[in-house]
Amino acid sequence: MQDIPQDAMMLMSFVNMKLRDEYPSLDELCASMDIDRRWLEGKLAAVGFEYSEENNKFW
């Protein structure tokens, strides 16, 4: 994985910005940035966020 925030709140903000500005889907973001999607979703789920495919963001 590239340098991504480890703090869950910062990670959520970072990922949502990338999804909004650069990637049309979570799968594309994860593939491009070499991030394990299960790890990412698990880390953010642990603090109450889930991915909305319809909105292409975590909330």
C-alpha atoms as a PDB file:
ATOM      1  CA  MET A   1       0.000   0.000   0.000  1.00  0.00           C
ATOM      2  CA  GLN A   2       1.105   3.484  -0.692  1.00  0.00           C
ATOM      3  CA  ASP A   3       1.323   6.026   2.062  1.00  0.00           C
ATOM      4  CA  ILE A   4      -2.247   6.298   3.246  1.00  0.00           C
ATOM      5  CA  PRO A   5      -3.489   7.612   6.575  1.00  0.00           C
ATOM      6  CA  GLN A   6      -3.701   4.985   9.317  1.00  0.00           C
ATOM      7  CA  ASP A   7      -6.101   6.983  11.479  1.00  0.00           C
ATOM      8  CA  ALA A   8      -9.609   5.824  10.502  1.00  0.00           C
ATOM      9  CA  MET A   9     -11.130   9.314  10.328  1.00  0.00           C
ATOM     10  CA  MET A  10      -8.296  10.644   8.182  1.00  0.00           C
ATOM     11  CA  LEU A  11      -8.442   7.495   6.062  1.00  0.00           C
ATOM     12  CA  MET A  12     -12.169   7.956   5.433  1.00  0.00           C
ATOM     13  CA  SER A  13     -11.628  11.562   4.380  1.00  0.00           C
ATOM     14  CA  PHE A  14      -8.681  10.624   2.150  1.00  0.00           C
ATOM     15  CA  VAL A  15     -10.525   7.748   0.461  1.00  0.00           C
ATOM     16  CA  ASN A  16     -13.684   9.799  -0.108  1.00  0.00           C
ATOM     17  CA  MET A  17     -11.627  12.584  -1.680  1.00  0.00           C
ATOM     18  CA  LYS A  18      -9.940  10.081  -3.999  1.00  0.00           C
ATOM     19  CA  LEU A  19     -13.291   8.523  -4.899  1.00  0.00           C
ATOM     20  CA  ARG A  20     -14.799  11.923  -5.601  1.00  0.00           C
ATOM     21  CA  ASP A  21     -11.879  13.301  -7.617  1.00  0.00           C
ATOM     22  CA  GLU A  22     -10.118  10.351  -9.241  1.00  0.00           C
ATOM     23  CA  TYR A  23     -11.877   6.984  -9.112  1.00  0.00           C
ATOM     24  CA  PRO A  24     -15.337   5.911 -10.304  1.00  0.00           C
ATOM     25  CA  SER A  25     -15.416   2.923  -7.921  1.00  0.00           C
ATOM     26  CA  LEU A  26     -13.846   1.523  -4.776  1.00  0.00           C
ATOM     27  CA  ASP A  27     -12.504  -1.445  -6.747  1.00  0.00           C
ATOM     28  CA  GLU A  28     -10.610   0.872  -9.096  1.00  0.00           C
ATOM     29  CA  LEU A  29      -9.176   2.886  -6.203  1.00  0.00           C
ATOM     30  CA  CYS A  30      -8.021  -0.269  -4.428  1.00  0.00           C
ATOM     31  CA  ALA A  31      -6.466  -1.753  -7.563  1.00  0.00           C
ATOM     32  CA  SER A  32      -4.684   1.458  -8.488  1.00  0.00           C
ATOM     33  CA  MET A  33      -3.370   2.153  -4.989  1.00  0.00           C
ATOM     34  CA  ASP A  34      -2.646  -1.502  -4.110  1.00  0.00           C
ATOM     35  CA  ILE A  35      -5.026  -1.480  -1.140  1.00  0.00           C
ATOM     36  CA  ASP A  36      -6.800  -4.613   0.071  1.00  0.00           C
ATOM     37  CA  ARG A  37     -10.496  -3.747  -0.185  1.00  0.00           C
ATOM     38  CA  ARG A  38     -11.461  -6.064   2.711  1.00  0.00           C
ATOM     39  CA  TRP A  39      -8.873  -4.404   4.947  1.00  0.00           C
ATOM     40  CA  LEU A  40     -10.091  -0.922   3.981  1.00  0.00           C
ATOM     41  CA  GLU A  41     -13.766  -1.708   4.474  1.00  0.00           C
ATOM     42  CA  GLY A  42     -12.999  -3.463   7.772  1.00  0.00           C
ATOM     43  CA  LYS A  43     -10.928  -0.585   9.111  1.00  0.00           C
ATOM     44  CA  LEU A  44     -13.652   1.929   8.294  1.00  0.00           C
ATOM     45  CA  ALA A  45     -16.491  -0.351   9.454  1.00  0.00           C
ATOM     46  CA  ALA A  46     -14.767  -0.581  12.845  1.00  0.00           C
ATOM     47  CA  VAL A  47     -15.524   3.120  13.372  1.00  0.00           C
ATOM     48  CA  GLY A  48     -19.009   3.039  11.886  1.00  0.00           C
ATOM     49  CA  PHE A  49     -18.525   3.788   8.169  1.00  0.00           C
ATOM     50  CA  GLU A  50     -19.734   1.678   5.283  1.00  0.00           C
ATOM     51  CA  TYR A  51     -19.233   2.025   1.559  1.00  0.00           C
ATOM     52  CA  SER A  52     -22.165   3.099  -0.608  1.00  0.00           C
ATOM     53  CA  GLU A  53     -21.652   1.895  -4.159  1.00  0.00           C
ATOM     54  CA  GLU A  54     -24.548   4.071  -5.306  1.00  0.00           C
ATOM     55  CA  ASN A  55     -22.900   7.205  -3.915  1.00  0.00           C
ATOM     56  CA  ASN A  56     -19.307   6.002  -4.354  1.00  0.00           C
ATOM     57  CA  LYS A  57     -18.295   7.056  -0.868  1.00  0.00           C
ATOM     58  CA  PHE A  58     -18.027   5.933   2.734  1.00  0.00           C
ATOM     59  CA  TRP A  59     -20.499   7.253   5.286  1.00  0.00           C
END
